[in-house]
Amino acid sequence: MIRYLMLSILLLPCLHAGASSTVERGKAIAENRNKGNCLSCHFVQGAEMTGTIAPPLISMKLRYPNAANLRSQIWDAAAQNPETVMPPYGRHLILTEEEIDQVLEYIYSL
């Protein structure tokens, strides 16, 4: 029992580092003007040259308590709002499933 507890304690920093690197990769995709390009429309605190025509990316866990709903929005925003101008990142294969998950983790960290 103690062995498993010690192993868990030793692995915690590794798990945190993995989550942190996922957030960093998601941030890089979101800020990349040739990939996610989220900043062209959304305001993000501390980022340069952000947009103002879409909702700001702040307090995302409060706005989307269910991460699956936010992921669906990224995958294809038109499913909920046919009039949206947000690109369907998943449906049009702009981002891979892994990249969408990374962007989701980043946005959820805001």
PDB file of N, CA and C in Angstrom:
ATOM      1  N   MET A   1       0.829  -1.192   0.000  1.00  0.00           N
ATOM      2  CA  MET A   1       0.000   0.000   0.000  1.00  0.00           C
ATOM      3  C   MET A   1       0.875   1.257   0.000  1.00  0.00           C
ATOM      4  N   ILE A   2       1.855   1.283   0.874  1.00  0.00           N
ATOM      5  CA  ILE A   2       2.733   2.448   0.952  1.00  0.00           C
ATOM      6  C   ILE A   2       3.517   2.602  -0.345  1.00  0.00           C
ATOM      7  N   ARG A   3       3.888   1.490  -0.952  1.00  0.00           N
ATOM      8  CA  ARG A   3       4.621   1.529  -2.215  1.00  0.00           C
ATOM      9  C   ARG A   3       3.792   2.256  -3.284  1.00  0.00           C
ATOM     10  N   TYR A   4       2.488   1.953  -3.359  1.00  0.00           N
ATOM     11  CA  TYR A   4       1.622   2.589  -4.352  1.00  0.00           C
ATOM     12  C   TYR A   4       1.420   4.073  -4.056  1.00  0.00           C
ATOM     13  N   LEU A   5       1.343   4.398  -2.782  1.00  0.00           N
ATOM     14  CA  LEU A   5       1.216   5.798  -2.395  1.00  0.00           C
ATOM     15  C   LEU A   5       2.460   6.576  -2.796  1.00  0.00           C
ATOM     16  N   MET A   6       3.625   6.000  -2.544  1.00  0.00           N
ATOM     17  CA  MET A   6       4.877   6.664  -2.916  1.00  0.00           C
ATOM     18  C   MET A   6       4.983   6.817  -4.430  1.00  0.00           C
ATOM     19  N   LEU A   7       4.585   5.786  -5.158  1.00  0.00           N
ATOM     20  CA  LEU A   7       4.619   5.848  -6.616  1.00  0.00           C
ATOM     21  C   LEU A   7       3.691   6.949  -7.123  1.00  0.00           C
ATOM     22  N   SER A   8       2.518   7.056  -6.529  1.00  0.00           N
ATOM     23  CA  SER A   8       1.576   8.110  -6.921  1.00  0.00           C
ATOM     24  C   SER A   8       2.160   9.493  -6.676  1.00  0.00           C
ATOM     25  N   ILE A   9       2.797   9.657  -5.531  1.00  0.00           N
ATOM     26  CA  ILE A   9       3.399  10.951  -5.199  1.00  0.00           C
ATOM     27  C   ILE A   9       4.519  11.287  -6.171  1.00  0.00           C
ATOM     28  N   LEU A  10       5.309  10.292  -6.536  1.00  0.00           N
ATOM     29  CA  LEU A  10       6.414  10.524  -7.464  1.00  0.00           C
ATOM     30  C   LEU A  10       5.929  10.839  -8.879  1.00  0.00           C
ATOM     31  N   LEU A  11       4.799  10.295  -9.269  1.00  0.00           N
ATOM     32  CA  LEU A  11       4.296  10.507 -10.630  1.00  0.00           C
ATOM     33  C   LEU A  11       3.494  11.794 -10.791  1.00  0.00           C
ATOM     34  N   LEU A  12       3.045  12.394  -9.713  1.00  0.00           N
ATOM     35  CA  LEU A  12       2.244  13.619  -9.813  1.00  0.00           C
ATOM     36  C   LEU A  12       2.922  14.720 -10.618  1.00  0.00           C
ATOM     37  N   PRO A  13       4.199  15.025 -10.391  1.00  0.00           N
ATOM     38  CA  PRO A  13       4.833  16.066 -11.210  1.00  0.00           C
ATOM     39  C   PRO A  13       4.831  15.723 -12.695  1.00  0.00           C
ATOM     40  N   CYS A  14       4.964  14.454 -13.029  1.00  0.00           N
ATOM     41  CA  CYS A  14       4.943  14.040 -14.440  1.00  0.00           C
ATOM     42  C   CYS A  14       3.580  14.294 -15.050  1.00  0.00           C
ATOM     43  N   LEU A  15       2.532  13.976 -14.312  1.00  0.00           N
ATOM     44  CA  LEU A  15       1.183  14.208 -14.817  1.00  0.00           C
ATOM     45  C   LEU A  15       0.933  15.694 -15.005  1.00  0.00           C
ATOM     46  N   HIS A  16       1.373  16.496 -14.053  1.00  0.00           N
ATOM     47  CA  HIS A  16       1.205  17.946 -14.160  1.00  0.00           C
ATOM     48  C   HIS A  16       1.991  18.488 -15.348  1.00  0.00           C
ATOM     49  N   ALA A  17       3.196  18.004 -15.541  1.00  0.00           N
ATOM     50  CA  ALA A  17       4.014  18.459 -16.668  1.00  0.00           C
ATOM     51  C   ALA A  17       3.344  18.106 -17.980  1.00  0.00           C
ATOM     52  N   GLY A  18       2.729  16.931 -18.068  1.00  0.00           N
ATOM     53  CA  GLY A  18       2.026  16.538 -19.285  1.00  0.00           C
ATOM     54  C   GLY A  18       0.852  17.446 -19.559  1.00  0.00           C
ATOM     55  N   ALA A  19       0.093  17.775 -18.517  1.00  0.00           N
ATOM     56  CA  ALA A  19      -1.046  18.673 -18.689  1.00  0.00           C
ATOM     57  C   ALA A  19      -0.569  20.053 -19.101  1.00  0.00           C
ATOM     58  N   SER A  20       0.522  20.507 -18.492  1.00  0.00           N
ATOM     59  CA  SER A  20       1.061  21.824 -18.814  1.00  0.00           C
ATOM     60  C   SER A  20       1.523  21.889 -20.263  1.00  0.00           C
ATOM     61  N   SER A  21       2.195  20.836 -20.730  1.00  0.00           N
ATOM     62  CA  SER A  21       2.663  20.862 -22.109  1.00  0.00           C
ATOM     63  C   SER A  21       1.493  20.786 -23.087  1.00  0.00           C
ATOM     64  N   THR A  22       0.417  20.107 -22.713  1.00  0.00           N
ATOM     65  CA  THR A  22      -0.786  20.080 -23.550  1.00  0.00           C
ATOM     66  C   THR A  22      -1.370  21.477 -23.656  1.00  0.00           C
ATOM     67  N   VAL A  23      -1.425  22.190 -22.545  1.00  0.00           N
ATOM     68  CA  VAL A  23      -1.926  23.567 -22.545  1.00  0.00           C
ATOM     69  C   VAL A  23      -1.035  24.444 -23.417  1.00  0.00           C
ATOM     70  N   GLU A  24       0.282  24.273 -23.296  1.00  0.00           N
ATOM     71  CA  GLU A  24       1.207  25.074 -24.107  1.00  0.00           C
ATOM     72  C   GLU A  24       1.045  24.787 -25.599  1.00  0.00           C
ATOM     73  N   ARG A  25       0.865  23.514 -25.944  1.00  0.00           N
ATOM     74  CA  ARG A  25       0.645  23.182 -27.360  1.00  0.00           C
ATOM     75  C   ARG A  25      -0.674  23.775 -27.841  1.00  0.00           C
ATOM     76  N   GLY A  26      -1.696  23.718 -27.003  1.00  0.00           N
ATOM     77  CA  GLY A  26      -2.982  24.312 -27.361  1.00  0.00           C
ATOM     78  C   GLY A  26      -2.886  25.810 -27.544  1.00  0.00           C
ATOM     79  N   LYS A  27      -2.114  26.453 -26.688  1.00  0.00           N
ATOM     80  CA  LYS A  27      -1.905  27.898 -26.809  1.00  0.00           C
ATOM     81  C   LYS A  27      -1.208  28.222 -28.122  1.00  0.00           C
ATOM     82  N   ALA A  28      -0.191  27.439 -28.457  1.00  0.00           N
ATOM     83  CA  ALA A  28       0.543  27.677 -29.708  1.00  0.00           C
ATOM     84  C   ALA A  28      -0.376  27.530 -30.921  1.00  0.00           C
ATOM     85  N   ILE A  29      -1.256  26.547 -30.890  1.00  0.00           N
ATOM     86  CA  ILE A  29      -2.199  26.357 -31.999  1.00  0.00           C
ATOM     87  C   ILE A  29      -3.185  27.516 -32.054  1.00  0.00           C
ATOM     88  N   ALA A  30      -3.726  27.898 -30.905  1.00  0.00           N
ATOM     89  CA  ALA A  30      -4.716  28.975 -30.855  1.00  0.00           C
ATOM     90  C   ALA A  30      -4.134  30.303 -31.336  1.00  0.00           C
ATOM     91  N   GLU A  31      -2.855  30.533 -31.055  1.00  0.00           N
ATOM     92  CA  GLU A  31      -2.220  31.795 -31.437  1.00  0.00           C
ATOM     93  C   GLU A  31      -1.623  31.768 -32.836  1.00  0.00           C
ATOM     94  N   ASN A  32      -1.524  30.597 -33.442  1.00  0.00           N
ATOM     95  CA  ASN A  32      -0.927  30.462 -34.768  1.00  0.00           C
ATOM     96  C   ASN A  32      -1.893  30.991 -35.827  1.00  0.00           C
ATOM     97  N   ARG A  33      -1.487  32.022 -36.526  1.00  0.00           N
ATOM     98  CA  ARG A  33      -2.357  32.652 -37.530  1.00  0.00           C
ATOM     99  C   ARG A  33      -2.637  31.739 -38.719  1.00  0.00           C
ATOM    100  N   ASN A  34      -1.835  30.697 -38.897  1.00  0.00           N
ATOM    101  CA  ASN A  34      -2.039  29.769 -40.009  1.00  0.00           C
ATOM    102  C   ASN A  34      -2.724  28.475 -39.590  1.00  0.00           C
ATOM    103  N   LYS A  35      -3.047  28.343 -38.314  1.00  0.00           N
ATOM    104  CA  LYS A  35      -3.632  27.084 -37.837  1.00  0.00           C
ATOM    105  C   LYS A  35      -4.959  27.374 -37.136  1.00  0.00           C
ATOM    106  N   GLY A  36      -4.930  27.565 -35.819  1.00  0.00           N
ATOM    107  CA  GLY A  36      -6.162  27.824 -35.076  1.00  0.00           C
ATOM    108  C   GLY A  36      -6.700  29.220 -35.306  1.00  0.00           C
ATOM    109  N   ASN A  37      -5.791  30.188 -35.225  1.00  0.00           N
ATOM    110  CA  ASN A  37      -6.127  31.589 -35.484  1.00  0.00           C
ATOM    111  C   ASN A  37      -7.268  32.106 -34.607  1.00  0.00           C
ATOM    112  N   CYS A  38      -7.386  31.602 -33.399  1.00  0.00           N
ATOM    113  CA  CYS A  38      -8.463  32.011 -32.497  1.00  0.00           C
ATOM    114  C   CYS A  38      -8.413  33.507 -32.183  1.00  0.00           C
ATOM    115  N   LEU A  39      -7.186  34.048 -32.132  1.00  0.00           N
ATOM    116  CA  LEU A  39      -7.020  35.441 -31.721  1.00  0.00           C
ATOM    117  C   LEU A  39      -7.506  36.441 -32.762  1.00  0.00           C
ATOM    118  N   SER A  40      -7.751  35.999 -33.969  1.00  0.00           N
ATOM    119  CA  SER A  40      -8.248  36.948 -34.965  1.00  0.00           C
ATOM    120  C   SER A  40      -9.663  37.400 -34.620  1.00  0.00           C
ATOM    121  N   CYS A  41     -10.397  36.592 -33.861  1.00  0.00           N
ATOM    122  CA  CYS A  41     -11.773  36.943 -33.501  1.00  0.00           C
ATOM    123  C   CYS A  41     -11.984  37.102 -31.997  1.00  0.00           C
ATOM    124  N   HIS A  42     -11.254  36.328 -31.188  1.00  0.00           N
ATOM    125  CA  HIS A  42     -11.469  36.289 -29.740  1.00  0.00           C
ATOM    126  C   HIS A  42     -10.407  37.090 -28.990  1.00  0.00           C
ATOM    127  N   PHE A  43     -10.840  37.767 -27.926  1.00  0.00           N
ATOM    128  CA  PHE A  43      -9.920  38.427 -27.007  1.00  0.00           C
ATOM    129  C   PHE A  43      -9.383  37.383 -26.034  1.00  0.00           C
ATOM    130  N   VAL A  44      -8.078  37.408 -25.808  1.00  0.00           N
ATOM    131  CA  VAL A  44      -7.424  36.567 -24.808  1.00  0.00           C
ATOM    132  C   VAL A  44      -6.532  37.484 -23.980  1.00  0.00           C
ATOM    133  N   GLN A  45      -6.734  37.482 -22.680  1.00  0.00           N
ATOM    134  CA  GLN A  45      -5.957  38.318 -21.769  1.00  0.00           C
ATOM    135  C   GLN A  45      -4.465  38.076 -21.950  1.00  0.00           C
ATOM    136  N   GLY A  46      -3.700  39.132 -22.155  1.00  0.00           N
ATOM    137  CA  GLY A  46      -2.252  39.041 -22.267  1.00  0.00           C
ATOM    138  C   GLY A  46      -1.729  38.731 -23.652  1.00  0.00           C
ATOM    139  N   ALA A  47      -2.600  38.423 -24.584  1.00  0.00           N
ATOM    140  CA  ALA A  47      -2.161  38.121 -25.950  1.00  0.00           C
ATOM    141  C   ALA A  47      -2.134  39.408 -26.771  1.00  0.00           C
ATOM    142  N   GLU A  48      -1.346  39.386 -27.825  1.00  0.00           N
ATOM    143  CA  GLU A  48      -1.229  40.561 -28.691  1.00  0.00           C
ATOM    144  C   GLU A  48      -2.155  40.435 -29.895  1.00  0.00           C
ATOM    145  N   MET A  49      -2.658  41.566 -30.345  1.00  0.00           N
ATOM    146  CA  MET A  49      -3.466  41.667 -31.558  1.00  0.00           C
ATOM    147  C   MET A  49      -4.650  40.697 -31.547  1.00  0.00           C
ATOM    148  N   THR A  50      -5.476  40.795 -30.513  1.00  0.00           N
ATOM    149  CA  THR A  50      -6.641  39.923 -30.416  1.00  0.00           C
ATOM    150  C   THR A  50      -7.853  40.576 -31.062  1.00  0.00           C
ATOM    151  N   GLY A  51      -8.822  39.755 -31.395  1.00  0.00           N
ATOM    152  CA  GLY A  51     -10.041  40.242 -32.026  1.00  0.00           C
ATOM    153  C   GLY A  51     -11.101  40.617 -31.009  1.00  0.00           C
ATOM    154  N   THR A  52     -12.155  41.221 -31.508  1.00  0.00           N
ATOM    155  CA  THR A  52     -13.257  41.640 -30.641  1.00  0.00           C
ATOM    156  C   THR A  52     -14.622  41.260 -31.219  1.00  0.00           C
ATOM    157  N   ILE A  53     -14.650  40.490 -32.307  1.00  0.00           N
ATOM    158  CA  ILE A  53     -15.943  40.183 -32.925  1.00  0.00           C
ATOM    159  C   ILE A  53     -16.575  38.904 -32.373  1.00  0.00           C
ATOM    160  N   ALA A  54     -15.850  38.167 -31.563  1.00  0.00           N
ATOM    161  CA  ALA A  54     -16.372  36.935 -30.961  1.00  0.00           C
ATOM    162  C   ALA A  54     -16.255  37.055 -29.444  1.00  0.00           C
ATOM    163  N   PRO A  55     -16.934  36.192 -28.704  1.00  0.00           N
ATOM    164  CA  PRO A  55     -16.849  36.278 -27.244  1.00  0.00           C
ATOM    165  C   PRO A  55     -15.408  36.152 -26.753  1.00  0.00           C
ATOM    166  N   PRO A  56     -15.061  36.901 -25.704  1.00  0.00           N
ATOM    167  CA  PRO A  56     -13.708  36.797 -25.147  1.00  0.00           C
ATOM    168  C   PRO A  56     -13.496  35.421 -24.519  1.00  0.00           C
ATOM    169  N   LEU A  57     -12.277  34.940 -24.600  1.00  0.00           N
ATOM    170  CA  LEU A  57     -11.945  33.637 -24.027  1.00  0.00           C
ATOM    171  C   LEU A  57     -11.462  33.838 -22.594  1.00  0.00           C
ATOM    172  N   ILE A  58     -12.417  34.075 -21.720  1.00  0.00           N
ATOM    173  CA  ILE A  58     -12.139  34.256 -20.294  1.00  0.00           C
ATOM    174  C   ILE A  58     -13.154  33.433 -19.496  1.00  0.00           C
ATOM    175  N   SER A  59     -12.739  32.964 -18.346  1.00  0.00           N
ATOM    176  CA  SER A  59     -13.611  32.185 -17.450  1.00  0.00           C
ATOM    177  C   SER A  59     -14.324  31.062 -18.188  1.00  0.00           C
ATOM    178  N   MET A  60     -13.592  30.337 -18.989  1.00  0.00           N
ATOM    179  CA  MET A  60     -14.214  29.338 -19.858  1.00  0.00           C
ATOM    180  C   MET A  60     -14.816  28.164 -19.087  1.00  0.00           C
ATOM    181  N   LYS A  61     -14.241  27.794 -17.957  1.00  0.00           N
ATOM    182  CA  LYS A  61     -14.821  26.700 -17.164  1.00  0.00           C
ATOM    183  C   LYS A  61     -16.174  27.105 -16.593  1.00  0.00           C
ATOM    184  N   LEU A  62     -16.349  28.384 -16.304  1.00  0.00           N
ATOM    185  CA  LEU A  62     -17.643  28.852 -15.811  1.00  0.00           C
ATOM    186  C   LEU A  62     -18.665  28.909 -16.943  1.00  0.00           C
ATOM    187  N   ARG A  63     -18.232  29.331 -18.108  1.00  0.00           N
ATOM    188  CA  ARG A  63     -19.143  29.452 -19.249  1.00  0.00           C
ATOM    189  C   ARG A  63     -19.490  28.102 -19.854  1.00  0.00           C
ATOM    190  N   TYR A  64     -18.560  27.176 -19.793  1.00  0.00           N
ATOM    191  CA  TYR A  64     -18.759  25.823 -20.329  1.00  0.00           C
ATOM    192  C   TYR A  64     -18.377  24.803 -19.261  1.00  0.00           C
ATOM    193  N   PRO A  65     -19.235  24.585 -18.263  1.00  0.00           N
ATOM    194  CA  PRO A  65     -18.894  23.617 -17.223  1.00  0.00           C
ATOM    195  C   PRO A  65     -18.686  22.205 -17.778  1.00  0.00           C
ATOM    196  N   ASN A  66     -19.334  21.901 -18.882  1.00  0.00           N
ATOM    197  CA  ASN A  66     -19.166  20.607 -19.535  1.00  0.00           C
ATOM    198  C   ASN A  66     -18.188  20.787 -20.697  1.00  0.00           C
ATOM    199  N   ALA A  67     -16.995  20.236 -20.553  1.00  0.00           N
ATOM    200  CA  ALA A  67     -15.954  20.407 -21.574  1.00  0.00           C
ATOM    201  C   ALA A  67     -16.387  19.863 -22.931  1.00  0.00           C
ATOM    202  N   ALA A  68     -17.239  18.858 -22.943  1.00  0.00           N
ATOM    203  CA  ALA A  68     -17.705  18.281 -24.213  1.00  0.00           C
ATOM    204  C   ALA A  68     -18.482  19.312 -25.032  1.00  0.00           C
ATOM    205  N   ASN A  69     -19.213  20.192 -24.363  1.00  0.00           N
ATOM    206  CA  ASN A  69     -19.955  21.235 -25.081  1.00  0.00           C
ATOM    207  C   ASN A  69     -19.010  22.232 -25.739  1.00  0.00           C
ATOM    208  N   LEU A  70     -17.945  22.596 -25.036  1.00  0.00           N
ATOM    209  CA  LEU A  70     -16.962  23.509 -25.616  1.00  0.00           C
ATOM    210  C   LEU A  70     -16.227  22.830 -26.770  1.00  0.00           C
ATOM    211  N   ARG A  71     -15.912  21.564 -26.611  1.00  0.00           N
ATOM    212  CA  ARG A  71     -15.244  20.828 -27.692  1.00  0.00           C
ATOM    213  C   ARG A  71     -16.136  20.779 -28.932  1.00  0.00           C
ATOM    214  N   SER A  72     -17.424  20.552 -28.731  1.00  0.00           N
ATOM    215  CA  SER A  72     -18.370  20.542 -29.860  1.00  0.00           C
ATOM    216  C   SER A  72     -18.405  21.887 -30.561  1.00  0.00           C
ATOM    217  N   GLN A  73     -18.318  22.949 -29.785  1.00  0.00           N
ATOM    218  CA  GLN A  73     -18.310  24.300 -30.347  1.00  0.00           C
ATOM    219  C   GLN A  73     -17.083  24.508 -31.228  1.00  0.00           C
ATOM    220  N   ILE A  74     -15.939  24.025 -30.773  1.00  0.00           N
ATOM    221  CA  ILE A  74     -14.712  24.143 -31.566  1.00  0.00           C
ATOM    222  C   ILE A  74     -14.802  23.245 -32.802  1.00  0.00           C
ATOM    223  N   TRP A  75     -15.310  22.037 -32.629  1.00  0.00           N
ATOM    224  CA  TRP A  75     -15.366  21.066 -33.725  1.00  0.00           C
ATOM    225  C   TRP A  75     -16.263  21.567 -34.853  1.00  0.00           C
ATOM    226  N   ASP A  76     -17.451  22.105 -34.491  1.00  0.00           N
ATOM    227  CA  ASP A  76     -18.372  22.641 -35.502  1.00  0.00           C
ATOM    228  C   ASP A  76     -19.371  23.568 -34.839  1.00  0.00           C
ATOM    229  N   ALA A  77     -19.033  24.843 -34.767  1.00  0.00           N
ATOM    230  CA  ALA A  77     -19.894  25.828 -34.119  1.00  0.00           C
ATOM    231  C   ALA A  77     -21.239  25.966 -34.819  1.00  0.00           C
ATOM    232  N   ALA A  78     -21.303  25.656 -36.105  1.00  0.00           N
ATOM    233  CA  ALA A  78     -22.551  25.792 -36.865  1.00  0.00           C
ATOM    234  C   ALA A  78     -23.617  24.802 -36.407  1.00  0.00           C
ATOM    235  N   ALA A  79     -23.231  23.755 -35.716  1.00  0.00           N
ATOM    236  CA  ALA A  79     -24.213  22.794 -35.215  1.00  0.00           C
ATOM    237  C   ALA A  79     -25.155  23.457 -34.212  1.00  0.00           C
ATOM    238  N   GLN A  80     -24.642  24.410 -33.435  1.00  0.00           N
ATOM    239  CA  GLN A  80     -25.455  25.141 -32.466  1.00  0.00           C
ATOM    240  C   GLN A  80     -25.964  26.466 -33.010  1.00  0.00           C
ATOM    241  N   ASN A  81     -25.203  27.052 -33.929  1.00  0.00           N
ATOM    242  CA  ASN A  81     -25.571  28.353 -34.489  1.00  0.00           C
ATOM    243  C   ASN A  81     -25.257  28.357 -35.985  1.00  0.00           C
ATOM    244  N   PRO A  82     -26.246  28.047 -36.816  1.00  0.00           N
ATOM    245  CA  PRO A  82     -26.000  27.974 -38.264  1.00  0.00           C
ATOM    246  C   PRO A  82     -25.504  29.286 -38.877  1.00  0.00           C
ATOM    247  N   GLU A  83     -25.706  30.399 -38.195  1.00  0.00           N
ATOM    248  CA  GLU A  83     -25.299  31.708 -38.713  1.00  0.00           C
ATOM    249  C   GLU A  83     -23.882  32.102 -38.302  1.00  0.00           C
ATOM    250  N   THR A  84     -23.190  31.261 -37.567  1.00  0.00           N
ATOM    251  CA  THR A  84     -21.856  31.603 -37.069  1.00  0.00           C
ATOM    252  C   THR A  84     -20.849  31.769 -38.205  1.00  0.00           C
ATOM    253  N   VAL A  85     -19.839  32.567 -37.943  1.00  0.00           N
ATOM    254  CA  VAL A  85     -18.731  32.698 -38.891  1.00  0.00           C
ATOM    255  C   VAL A  85     -17.510  31.911 -38.407  1.00  0.00           C
ATOM    256  N   MET A  86     -17.641  31.273 -37.251  1.00  0.00           N
ATOM    257  CA  MET A  86     -16.530  30.480 -36.721  1.00  0.00           C
ATOM    258  C   MET A  86     -16.315  29.259 -37.609  1.00  0.00           C
ATOM    259  N   PRO A  87     -15.073  29.046 -38.028  1.00  0.00           N
ATOM    260  CA  PRO A  87     -14.794  27.884 -38.884  1.00  0.00           C
ATOM    261  C   PRO A  87     -15.080  26.567 -38.158  1.00  0.00           C
ATOM    262  N   PRO A  88     -15.574  25.568 -38.861  1.00  0.00           N
ATOM    263  CA  PRO A  88     -15.774  24.243 -38.260  1.00  0.00           C
ATOM    264  C   PRO A  88     -14.449  23.475 -38.253  1.00  0.00           C
ATOM    265  N   TYR A  89     -13.654  23.716 -37.220  1.00  0.00           N
ATOM    266  CA  TYR A  89     -12.278  23.208 -37.169  1.00  0.00           C
ATOM    267  C   TYR A  89     -12.179  21.694 -37.310  1.00  0.00           C
ATOM    268  N   GLY A  90     -13.124  20.965 -36.769  1.00  0.00           N
ATOM    269  CA  GLY A  90     -13.088  19.517 -36.884  1.00  0.00           C
ATOM    270  C   GLY A  90     -13.733  19.019 -38.161  1.00  0.00           C
ATOM    271  N   ARG A  91     -14.921  19.507 -38.440  1.00  0.00           N
ATOM    272  CA  ARG A  91     -15.667  19.034 -39.613  1.00  0.00           C
ATOM    273  C   ARG A  91     -14.916  19.293 -40.906  1.00  0.00           C
ATOM    274  N   HIS A  92     -14.219  20.419 -40.991  1.00  0.00           N
ATOM    275  CA  HIS A  92     -13.456  20.751 -42.198  1.00  0.00           C
ATOM    276  C   HIS A  92     -11.993  20.312 -42.124  1.00  0.00           C
ATOM    277  N   LEU A  93     -11.661  19.565 -41.080  1.00  0.00           N
ATOM    278  CA  LEU A  93     -10.308  19.020 -40.906  1.00  0.00           C
ATOM    279  C   LEU A  93      -9.230  20.108 -40.866  1.00  0.00           C
ATOM    280  N   ILE A  94      -9.588  21.261 -40.324  1.00  0.00           N
ATOM    281  CA  ILE A  94      -8.618  22.342 -40.140  1.00  0.00           C
ATOM    282  C   ILE A  94      -7.651  21.954 -39.025  1.00  0.00           C
ATOM    283  N   LEU A  95      -8.197  21.371 -37.971  1.00  0.00           N
ATOM    284  CA  LEU A  95      -7.399  20.859 -36.858  1.00  0.00           C
ATOM    285  C   LEU A  95      -7.666  19.369 -36.709  1.00  0.00           C
ATOM    286  N   THR A  96      -6.651  18.645 -36.255  1.00  0.00           N
ATOM    287  CA  THR A  96      -6.837  17.225 -35.961  1.00  0.00           C
ATOM    288  C   THR A  96      -7.602  17.091 -34.645  1.00  0.00           C
ATOM    289  N   GLU A  97      -8.068  15.896 -34.364  1.00  0.00           N
ATOM    290  CA  GLU A  97      -8.752  15.643 -33.093  1.00  0.00           C
ATOM    291  C   GLU A  97      -7.820  15.963 -31.923  1.00  0.00           C
ATOM    292  N   GLU A  98      -6.555  15.584 -32.046  1.00  0.00           N
ATOM    293  CA  GLU A  98      -5.578  15.862 -30.988  1.00  0.00           C
ATOM    294  C   GLU A  98      -5.381  17.369 -30.812  1.00  0.00           C
ATOM    295  N   GLU A  99      -5.297  18.101 -31.904  1.00  0.00           N
ATOM    296  CA  GLU A  99      -5.124  19.555 -31.818  1.00  0.00           C
ATOM    297  C   GLU A  99      -6.349  20.209 -31.190  1.00  0.00           C
ATOM    298  N   ILE A 100      -7.533  19.728 -31.520  1.00  0.00           N
ATOM    299  CA  ILE A 100      -8.748  20.269 -30.902  1.00  0.00           C
ATOM    300  C   ILE A 100      -8.710  20.029 -29.401  1.00  0.00           C
ATOM    301  N   ASP A 101      -8.290  18.843 -28.983  1.00  0.00           N
ATOM    302  CA  ASP A 101      -8.177  18.551 -27.554  1.00  0.00           C
ATOM    303  C   ASP A 101      -7.156  19.464 -26.877  1.00  0.00           C
ATOM    304  N   GLN A 102      -6.059  19.754 -27.553  1.00  0.00           N
ATOM    305  CA  GLN A 102      -5.039  20.638 -26.993  1.00  0.00           C
ATOM    306  C   GLN A 102      -5.566  22.070 -26.874  1.00  0.00           C
ATOM    307  N   VAL A 103      -6.256  22.542 -27.891  1.00  0.00           N
ATOM    308  CA  VAL A 103      -6.852  23.881 -27.839  1.00  0.00           C
ATOM    309  C   VAL A 103      -7.893  23.935 -26.725  1.00  0.00           C
ATOM    310  N   LEU A 104      -8.678  22.886 -26.594  1.00  0.00           N
ATOM    311  CA  LEU A 104      -9.675  22.819 -25.526  1.00  0.00           C
ATOM    312  C   LEU A 104      -9.011  22.947 -24.163  1.00  0.00           C
ATOM    313  N   GLU A 105      -7.924  22.214 -23.942  1.00  0.00           N
ATOM    314  CA  GLU A 105      -7.216  22.294 -22.659  1.00  0.00           C
ATOM    315  C   GLU A 105      -6.691  23.709 -22.415  1.00  0.00           C
ATOM    316  N   TYR A 106      -6.167  24.334 -23.451  1.00  0.00           N
ATOM    317  CA  TYR A 106      -5.675  25.706 -23.311  1.00  0.00           C
ATOM    318  C   TYR A 106      -6.817  26.654 -22.971  1.00  0.00           C
ATOM    319  N   ILE A 107      -7.877  26.603 -23.743  1.00  0.00           N
ATOM    320  CA  ILE A 107      -9.009  27.510 -23.512  1.00  0.00           C
ATOM    321  C   ILE A 107      -9.606  27.267 -22.128  1.00  0.00           C
ATOM    322  N   TYR A 108      -9.671  26.009 -21.721  1.00  0.00           N
ATOM    323  CA  TYR A 108     -10.214  25.687 -20.401  1.00  0.00           C
ATOM    324  C   TYR A 108      -9.313  26.199 -19.283  1.00  0.00           C
ATOM    325  N   SER A 109      -8.053  26.452 -19.589  1.00  0.00           N
ATOM    326  CA  SER A 109      -7.138  26.972 -18.565  1.00  0.00           C
ATOM    327  C   SER A 109      -7.296  28.478 -18.371  1.00  0.00           C
ATOM    328  N   LEU A 110      -8.010  29.130 -19.262  1.00  0.00           N
ATOM    329  CA  LEU A 110      -8.167  30.593 -19.190  1.00  0.00           C
ATOM    330  C   LEU A 110      -9.230  30.985 -18.179  1.00  0.00           C
TER     331      LEU A 110
END
